[in-house]
Amino acid sequence: MHPFEPVAARKQEEEGREGHAPQTTLNFDARVYRPVLEDQDKRFEGIFVVAVKLRLVRMGKKKQPTYRIVAAESRRARSGAFLEILGTYEPRGLSAAEPETVTKVDNEKVLRWLEQGAQPTERVAKLLQTSGALDMFAAAKAEKVASE
């Protein structure tokens, strides 16, 4: 006799069914009637510390990539959920007539994330170097150390 059969039998009587309960009902009962912790709702309270990376998310069409520079949790997928969009990077340019790469970065947002401890990937670090965000961060960090 299975330990959850009385529960399944009671469900059958309530619903007016006869015969054996299907296996899915037994599994469902096993999940539902498992003991639940009392403090389960409190586990999501407070401030969480997560590793944040500044990285690229691929966008665009096939063989015509454009990228977003985003702040995302390090455990998320490459093109998964992100916290904030910080800029764009178009390695192929705007069109065939203008093949120069285009990088648009919001340096204030990037600076705020870097101050909070976000780590840029190698490629994003190069892009931030060209936009001047890393220089601004280094200057702000040196100024903070000098003031202390």
N, C-alpha and C. Protein backbone atom coordinates (compact mmCIF):
# COMPACT_ATOMS: atom_id res chain seq x y z
N MET A 1 0.84 -1.18 0.00
CA MET A 1 0.00 0.00 0.00
C MET A 1 0.89 1.25 0.00
N HIS A 2 0.63 2.16 -0.92
CA HIS A 2 1.40 3.39 -1.07
C HIS A 2 0.98 4.38 0.01
N PRO A 3 1.94 5.15 0.59
CA PRO A 3 1.58 6.04 1.70
C PRO A 3 0.60 7.14 1.32
N PHE A 4 0.45 7.46 0.05
CA PHE A 4 -0.44 8.54 -0.34
C PHE A 4 -1.77 8.04 -0.90
N GLU A 5 -2.01 6.74 -0.88
CA GLU A 5 -3.27 6.22 -1.41
C GLU A 5 -4.48 6.71 -0.64
N PRO A 6 -4.44 6.84 0.68
CA PRO A 6 -5.63 7.36 1.35
C PRO A 6 -6.00 8.76 0.86
N VAL A 7 -5.02 9.58 0.60
CA VAL A 7 -5.30 10.92 0.11
C VAL A 7 -5.92 10.85 -1.28
N ALA A 8 -5.36 9.99 -2.14
CA ALA A 8 -5.89 9.84 -3.49
C ALA A 8 -7.30 9.27 -3.44
N ALA A 9 -7.53 8.30 -2.54
CA ALA A 9 -8.87 7.72 -2.42
C ALA A 9 -9.87 8.78 -1.96
N ARG A 10 -9.46 9.62 -1.03
CA ARG A 10 -10.34 10.69 -0.55
C ARG A 10 -10.67 11.66 -1.69
N LYS A 11 -9.67 11.98 -2.52
CA LYS A 11 -9.90 12.87 -3.67
C LYS A 11 -10.88 12.24 -4.65
N GLN A 12 -10.74 10.93 -4.87
CA GLN A 12 -11.65 10.25 -5.79
C GLN A 12 -13.08 10.30 -5.28
N GLU A 13 -13.27 10.10 -3.97
CA GLU A 13 -14.61 10.14 -3.40
C GLU A 13 -15.21 11.54 -3.53
N GLU A 14 -14.39 12.57 -3.27
CA GLU A 14 -14.89 13.94 -3.38
C GLU A 14 -15.29 14.27 -4.81
N GLU A 15 -14.51 13.81 -5.77
CA GLU A 15 -14.79 14.13 -7.16
C GLU A 15 -15.77 13.13 -7.79
N GLY A 16 -16.15 12.12 -7.07
CA GLY A 16 -17.12 11.15 -7.58
C GLY A 16 -16.53 10.18 -8.58
N ARG A 17 -15.22 9.94 -8.53
CA ARG A 17 -14.59 9.00 -9.45
C ARG A 17 -14.43 7.66 -8.75
N GLU A 18 -14.30 6.62 -9.55
CA GLU A 18 -14.06 5.28 -9.01
C GLU A 18 -12.83 4.68 -9.67
N GLY A 19 -12.23 3.70 -9.02
CA GLY A 19 -11.08 3.01 -9.60
C GLY A 19 -9.79 3.55 -9.04
N HIS A 20 -8.71 3.19 -9.71
CA HIS A 20 -7.38 3.58 -9.25
C HIS A 20 -7.07 5.01 -9.67
N ALA A 21 -6.35 5.68 -8.80
CA ALA A 21 -5.91 7.04 -9.13
C ALA A 21 -4.74 6.95 -10.11
N PRO A 22 -4.70 7.83 -11.08
CA PRO A 22 -3.56 7.80 -12.00
C PRO A 22 -2.28 8.18 -11.27
N GLN A 23 -1.15 7.78 -11.83
CA GLN A 23 0.14 8.01 -11.20
C GLN A 23 0.41 9.50 -10.99
N THR A 24 -0.05 10.33 -11.92
CA THR A 24 0.20 11.76 -11.78
C THR A 24 -0.48 12.32 -10.54
N THR A 25 -1.64 11.80 -10.19
CA THR A 25 -2.32 12.26 -8.99
C THR A 25 -1.51 11.92 -7.76
N LEU A 26 -0.92 10.73 -7.74
CA LEU A 26 -0.10 10.35 -6.59
C LEU A 26 1.11 11.26 -6.47
N ASN A 27 1.77 11.52 -7.60
CA ASN A 27 2.92 12.41 -7.57
C ASN A 27 2.50 13.82 -7.14
N PHE A 28 1.36 14.27 -7.62
CA PHE A 28 0.87 15.59 -7.25
C PHE A 28 0.61 15.65 -5.74
N ASP A 29 -0.01 14.60 -5.20
CA ASP A 29 -0.28 14.57 -3.77
C ASP A 29 1.02 14.58 -2.98
N ALA A 30 2.04 13.89 -3.50
CA ALA A 30 3.31 13.84 -2.80
C ALA A 30 3.93 15.22 -2.74
N ARG A 31 3.77 16.01 -3.81
CA ARG A 31 4.33 17.36 -3.80
C ARG A 31 3.52 18.28 -2.90
N VAL A 32 2.21 18.16 -2.94
CA VAL A 32 1.36 19.08 -2.20
C VAL A 32 1.44 18.87 -0.70
N TYR A 33 1.49 17.63 -0.27
CA TYR A 33 1.40 17.35 1.15
C TYR A 33 2.76 17.24 1.85
N ARG A 34 3.82 17.69 1.16
CA ARG A 34 5.12 17.72 1.79
C ARG A 34 5.14 18.83 2.84
N PRO A 35 5.82 18.67 3.97
CA PRO A 35 5.84 19.74 4.97
C PRO A 35 6.49 21.01 4.42
N VAL A 36 5.94 22.16 4.76
CA VAL A 36 6.42 23.45 4.28
C VAL A 36 6.99 24.23 5.46
N LEU A 37 8.13 24.87 5.25
CA LEU A 37 8.74 25.66 6.31
C LEU A 37 7.89 26.88 6.63
N GLU A 38 7.85 27.27 7.90
CA GLU A 38 7.05 28.41 8.30
C GLU A 38 7.68 29.72 7.84
N ASP A 39 9.01 29.79 7.81
CA ASP A 39 9.71 31.03 7.46
C ASP A 39 10.02 31.11 5.97
N GLN A 40 9.27 30.40 5.15
CA GLN A 40 9.57 30.34 3.73
C GLN A 40 9.41 31.71 3.07
N ASP A 41 8.46 32.53 3.50
CA ASP A 41 8.25 33.83 2.89
C ASP A 41 9.35 34.82 3.25
N LYS A 42 10.04 34.61 4.35
CA LYS A 42 11.07 35.54 4.81
C LYS A 42 12.39 35.35 4.09
N ARG A 43 12.54 34.30 3.30
CA ARG A 43 13.84 34.06 2.67
C ARG A 43 14.14 35.06 1.56
N PHE A 44 13.14 35.79 1.06
CA PHE A 44 13.37 36.75 -0.01
C PHE A 44 13.51 38.18 0.52
N GLU A 45 13.50 38.38 1.82
CA GLU A 45 13.63 39.71 2.38
C GLU A 45 15.08 40.11 2.48
N GLY A 46 15.35 41.41 2.43
CA GLY A 46 16.70 41.91 2.61
C GLY A 46 17.38 42.23 1.30
N ILE A 47 18.66 42.56 1.39
CA ILE A 47 19.45 42.96 0.24
C ILE A 47 20.31 41.78 -0.19
N PHE A 48 20.28 41.47 -1.47
CA PHE A 48 21.08 40.38 -2.01
C PHE A 48 22.32 40.94 -2.67
N VAL A 49 23.43 40.26 -2.52
CA VAL A 49 24.66 40.62 -3.21
C VAL A 49 24.84 39.63 -4.34
N VAL A 50 24.83 40.13 -5.57
CA VAL A 50 25.01 39.26 -6.73
C VAL A 50 26.19 39.77 -7.54
N ALA A 51 26.85 38.87 -8.23
CA ALA A 51 27.96 39.25 -9.10
C ALA A 51 27.38 39.81 -10.39
N VAL A 52 27.71 41.07 -10.68
CA VAL A 52 27.19 41.73 -11.87
C VAL A 52 28.33 41.90 -12.86
N LYS A 53 28.04 41.60 -14.11
CA LYS A 53 29.01 41.79 -15.18
C LYS A 53 28.45 42.77 -16.19
N LEU A 54 29.33 43.56 -16.77
CA LEU A 54 28.97 44.40 -17.90
C LEU A 54 29.37 43.61 -19.13
N ARG A 55 28.39 43.26 -19.96
CA ARG A 55 28.70 42.40 -21.10
C ARG A 55 27.82 42.71 -22.29
N LEU A 56 28.08 42.02 -23.40
CA LEU A 56 27.36 42.24 -24.64
C LEU A 56 26.22 41.23 -24.79
N VAL A 57 25.10 41.71 -25.31
CA VAL A 57 23.96 40.85 -25.65
C VAL A 57 23.76 40.98 -27.15
N ARG A 58 23.77 39.86 -27.85
CA ARG A 58 23.68 39.90 -29.31
C ARG A 58 22.27 40.22 -29.75
N MET A 59 22.18 41.11 -30.71
CA MET A 59 20.91 41.48 -31.32
C MET A 59 21.12 41.47 -32.84
N GLY A 60 20.15 41.92 -33.58
CA GLY A 60 20.31 42.07 -35.02
C GLY A 60 19.93 40.84 -35.80
N LYS A 61 20.16 40.94 -37.11
CA LYS A 61 19.78 39.86 -38.01
C LYS A 61 20.92 38.87 -38.19
N LYS A 62 20.62 37.84 -38.93
CA LYS A 62 21.61 36.82 -39.25
C LYS A 62 22.76 37.45 -40.03
N LYS A 63 23.98 37.23 -39.58
CA LYS A 63 25.20 37.75 -40.18
C LYS A 63 25.29 39.27 -40.17
N GLN A 64 24.42 39.94 -39.41
CA GLN A 64 24.49 41.39 -39.25
C GLN A 64 24.33 41.71 -37.76
N PRO A 65 25.31 41.37 -36.95
CA PRO A 65 25.13 41.52 -35.51
C PRO A 65 25.19 42.97 -35.05
N THR A 66 24.37 43.28 -34.09
CA THR A 66 24.52 44.49 -33.28
C THR A 66 24.44 44.00 -31.84
N TYR A 67 25.04 44.73 -30.95
CA TYR A 67 25.10 44.29 -29.57
C TYR A 67 24.61 45.39 -28.65
N ARG A 68 24.01 45.00 -27.54
CA ARG A 68 23.71 45.90 -26.45
C ARG A 68 24.76 45.70 -25.37
N ILE A 69 25.20 46.78 -24.78
CA ILE A 69 26.07 46.69 -23.60
C ILE A 69 25.14 46.76 -22.40
N VAL A 70 25.13 45.70 -21.59
CA VAL A 70 24.17 45.61 -20.49
C VAL A 70 24.88 45.24 -19.20
N ALA A 71 24.21 45.54 -18.10
CA ALA A 71 24.60 45.05 -16.79
C ALA A 71 23.72 43.85 -16.49
N ALA A 72 24.33 42.69 -16.25
CA ALA A 72 23.56 41.46 -16.04
C ALA A 72 24.22 40.63 -14.94
N GLU A 73 23.42 39.80 -14.30
CA GLU A 73 23.97 38.87 -13.32
C GLU A 73 24.89 37.90 -14.06
N SER A 74 25.99 37.53 -13.41
CA SER A 74 26.98 36.70 -14.08
C SER A 74 26.46 35.30 -14.37
N ARG A 75 25.44 34.84 -13.64
CA ARG A 75 24.94 33.48 -13.84
C ARG A 75 23.90 33.39 -14.95
N ARG A 76 23.45 34.51 -15.48
CA ARG A 76 22.43 34.50 -16.53
C ARG A 76 23.03 34.12 -17.87
N ALA A 77 22.17 33.68 -18.77
CA ALA A 77 22.60 33.31 -20.12
C ALA A 77 23.08 34.54 -20.88
N ARG A 78 23.83 34.32 -21.96
CA ARG A 78 24.40 35.43 -22.73
C ARG A 78 23.35 36.42 -23.18
N SER A 79 22.26 35.92 -23.75
CA SER A 79 21.20 36.81 -24.22
C SER A 79 19.98 36.73 -23.31
N GLY A 80 20.21 36.42 -22.04
CA GLY A 80 19.10 36.27 -21.10
C GLY A 80 18.73 37.60 -20.46
N ALA A 81 18.14 37.50 -19.29
CA ALA A 81 17.67 38.69 -18.57
C ALA A 81 18.84 39.56 -18.15
N PHE A 82 18.62 40.88 -18.17
CA PHE A 82 19.65 41.81 -17.75
C PHE A 82 19.04 42.86 -16.84
N LEU A 83 19.89 43.60 -16.15
CA LEU A 83 19.43 44.59 -15.18
C LEU A 83 19.21 45.96 -15.80
N GLU A 84 20.11 46.36 -16.72
CA GLU A 84 19.99 47.69 -17.32
C GLU A 84 20.77 47.73 -18.62
N ILE A 85 20.26 48.49 -19.60
CA ILE A 85 20.96 48.71 -20.87
C ILE A 85 21.87 49.92 -20.69
N LEU A 86 23.15 49.76 -21.04
CA LEU A 86 24.12 50.82 -20.86
C LEU A 86 24.57 51.44 -22.17
N GLY A 87 24.35 50.77 -23.28
CA GLY A 87 24.75 51.32 -24.56
C GLY A 87 24.58 50.30 -25.67
N THR A 88 25.06 50.66 -26.87
CA THR A 88 25.00 49.78 -28.02
C THR A 88 26.36 49.75 -28.71
N TYR A 89 26.59 48.68 -29.46
CA TYR A 89 27.82 48.51 -30.22
C TYR A 89 27.46 47.87 -31.54
N GLU A 90 27.81 48.57 -32.63
CA GLU A 90 27.52 48.06 -33.97
C GLU A 90 28.84 47.87 -34.70
N PRO A 91 29.37 46.65 -34.70
CA PRO A 91 30.70 46.43 -35.28
C PRO A 91 30.75 46.60 -36.79
N ARG A 92 29.62 46.46 -37.48
CA ARG A 92 29.61 46.57 -38.94
C ARG A 92 29.26 47.97 -39.42
N GLY A 93 28.99 48.89 -38.52
CA GLY A 93 28.63 50.24 -38.92
C GLY A 93 27.14 50.37 -39.16
N LEU A 94 26.73 51.57 -39.53
CA LEU A 94 25.30 51.82 -39.76
C LEU A 94 24.82 51.25 -41.09
N SER A 95 25.67 51.33 -42.13
CA SER A 95 25.28 50.81 -43.45
C SER A 95 26.55 50.50 -44.24
N ALA A 96 26.36 50.05 -45.47
CA ALA A 96 27.51 49.76 -46.32
C ALA A 96 28.25 51.05 -46.67
N ALA A 97 27.53 52.16 -46.72
CA ALA A 97 28.15 53.45 -47.03
C ALA A 97 28.96 53.97 -45.83
N GLU A 98 28.55 53.61 -44.62
CA GLU A 98 29.26 54.05 -43.41
C GLU A 98 29.72 52.81 -42.62
N PRO A 99 30.83 52.18 -43.04
CA PRO A 99 31.26 50.93 -42.40
C PRO A 99 31.98 51.11 -41.06
N GLU A 100 32.16 52.34 -40.59
CA GLU A 100 32.83 52.56 -39.32
C GLU A 100 32.01 51.96 -38.18
N THR A 101 32.70 51.35 -37.20
CA THR A 101 31.98 50.81 -36.06
C THR A 101 31.39 51.94 -35.24
N VAL A 102 30.21 51.70 -34.70
CA VAL A 102 29.51 52.72 -33.93
C VAL A 102 29.33 52.20 -32.51
N THR A 103 29.79 52.98 -31.55
CA THR A 103 29.64 52.63 -30.14
C THR A 103 28.97 53.79 -29.43
N LYS A 104 27.83 53.52 -28.81
CA LYS A 104 27.14 54.53 -28.01
C LYS A 104 27.06 54.00 -26.58
N VAL A 105 27.67 54.74 -25.64
CA VAL A 105 27.72 54.30 -24.25
C VAL A 105 27.27 55.45 -23.36
N ASP A 106 26.41 55.13 -22.39
CA ASP A 106 26.01 56.11 -21.38
C ASP A 106 27.03 56.00 -20.24
N ASN A 107 28.03 56.90 -20.26
CA ASN A 107 29.15 56.81 -19.32
C ASN A 107 28.71 56.97 -17.87
N GLU A 108 27.67 57.76 -17.60
CA GLU A 108 27.21 57.94 -16.21
C GLU A 108 26.67 56.64 -15.64
N LYS A 109 25.88 55.92 -16.44
CA LYS A 109 25.34 54.63 -15.98
C LYS A 109 26.46 53.63 -15.76
N VAL A 110 27.41 53.59 -16.70
CA VAL A 110 28.54 52.66 -16.59
C VAL A 110 29.35 52.97 -15.34
N LEU A 111 29.60 54.26 -15.09
CA LEU A 111 30.37 54.67 -13.92
C LEU A 111 29.67 54.24 -12.63
N ARG A 112 28.34 54.39 -12.60
CA ARG A 112 27.58 53.97 -11.41
C ARG A 112 27.72 52.47 -11.18
N TRP A 113 27.64 51.66 -12.25
CA TRP A 113 27.77 50.20 -12.09
C TRP A 113 29.18 49.80 -11.68
N LEU A 114 30.19 50.47 -12.25
CA LEU A 114 31.57 50.16 -11.89
C LEU A 114 31.84 50.50 -10.43
N GLU A 115 31.27 51.61 -9.95
CA GLU A 115 31.45 51.99 -8.55
C GLU A 115 30.80 50.98 -7.61
N GLN A 116 29.74 50.32 -8.08
CA GLN A 116 29.06 49.31 -7.27
C GLN A 116 29.74 47.95 -7.35
N GLY A 117 30.80 47.83 -8.16
CA GLY A 117 31.57 46.59 -8.20
C GLY A 117 31.34 45.71 -9.40
N ALA A 118 30.64 46.19 -10.42
CA ALA A 118 30.41 45.38 -11.62
C ALA A 118 31.73 45.20 -12.37
N GLN A 119 31.92 44.01 -12.93
CA GLN A 119 33.14 43.68 -13.65
C GLN A 119 32.86 43.61 -15.15
N PRO A 120 33.54 44.41 -15.98
CA PRO A 120 33.32 44.32 -17.43
C PRO A 120 34.05 43.11 -18.02
N THR A 121 33.48 42.54 -19.07
CA THR A 121 34.18 41.49 -19.80
C THR A 121 35.31 42.12 -20.60
N GLU A 122 36.15 41.30 -21.22
CA GLU A 122 37.31 41.83 -21.95
C GLU A 122 36.89 42.76 -23.08
N ARG A 123 35.91 42.31 -23.87
CA ARG A 123 35.47 43.10 -25.02
C ARG A 123 34.81 44.40 -24.56
N VAL A 124 33.99 44.34 -23.54
CA VAL A 124 33.31 45.53 -23.03
C VAL A 124 34.34 46.49 -22.42
N ALA A 125 35.36 45.96 -21.77
CA ALA A 125 36.41 46.82 -21.21
C ALA A 125 37.09 47.62 -22.31
N LYS A 126 37.35 46.99 -23.47
CA LYS A 126 37.95 47.71 -24.60
C LYS A 126 37.01 48.80 -25.11
N LEU A 127 35.72 48.49 -25.19
CA LEU A 127 34.74 49.48 -25.65
C LEU A 127 34.64 50.64 -24.66
N LEU A 128 34.67 50.33 -23.36
CA LEU A 128 34.60 51.38 -22.34
C LEU A 128 35.86 52.23 -22.33
N GLN A 129 36.99 51.62 -22.69
CA GLN A 129 38.24 52.37 -22.78
C GLN A 129 38.15 53.40 -23.90
N THR A 130 37.58 53.00 -25.04
CA THR A 130 37.45 53.94 -26.17
C THR A 130 36.43 55.03 -25.87
N SER A 131 35.41 54.72 -25.10
CA SER A 131 34.38 55.73 -24.79
C SER A 131 34.84 56.65 -23.66
N GLY A 132 35.87 56.26 -22.91
CA GLY A 132 36.38 57.10 -21.83
C GLY A 132 35.79 56.78 -20.47
N ALA A 133 34.91 55.79 -20.38
CA ALA A 133 34.27 55.47 -19.10
C ALA A 133 35.27 54.89 -18.10
N LEU A 134 36.20 54.06 -18.56
CA LEU A 134 37.18 53.47 -17.64
C LEU A 134 38.14 54.53 -17.11
N ASP A 135 38.49 55.52 -17.94
CA ASP A 135 39.34 56.61 -17.48
C ASP A 135 38.62 57.44 -16.41
N MET A 136 37.32 57.69 -16.64
CA MET A 136 36.53 58.43 -15.65
C MET A 136 36.48 57.66 -14.33
N PHE A 137 36.32 56.34 -14.42
CA PHE A 137 36.26 55.50 -13.22
C PHE A 137 37.58 55.52 -12.47
N ALA A 138 38.69 55.41 -13.21
CA ALA A 138 40.01 55.42 -12.57
C ALA A 138 40.26 56.77 -11.89
N ALA A 139 39.84 57.86 -12.55
CA ALA A 139 40.03 59.19 -11.96
C ALA A 139 39.17 59.35 -10.70
N ALA A 140 37.93 58.87 -10.74
CA ALA A 140 37.04 58.97 -9.57
C ALA A 140 37.58 58.12 -8.42
N LYS A 141 38.14 56.96 -8.76
CA LYS A 141 38.69 56.08 -7.73
C LYS A 141 39.93 56.71 -7.08
N ALA A 142 40.80 57.32 -7.92
CA ALA A 142 42.00 57.97 -7.39
C ALA A 142 41.62 59.18 -6.53
N GLU A 143 40.61 59.91 -6.94
CA GLU A 143 40.15 61.06 -6.17
C GLU A 143 39.57 60.63 -4.82
N LYS A 144 38.86 59.52 -4.81
CA LYS A 144 38.28 59.00 -3.58
C LYS A 144 39.39 58.56 -2.61
N VAL A 145 40.43 57.90 -3.13
CA VAL A 145 41.54 57.46 -2.30
C VAL A 145 42.31 58.66 -1.75
N ALA A 146 42.47 59.71 -2.57
CA ALA A 146 43.20 60.90 -2.14
C ALA A 146 42.44 61.65 -1.05
N SER A 147 41.11 61.64 -1.11
CA SER A 147 40.31 62.36 -0.13
C SER A 147 40.27 61.65 1.23
N GLU A 148 40.57 60.36 1.24
CA GLU A 148 40.53 59.60 2.51
C GLU A 148 41.79 59.72 3.22
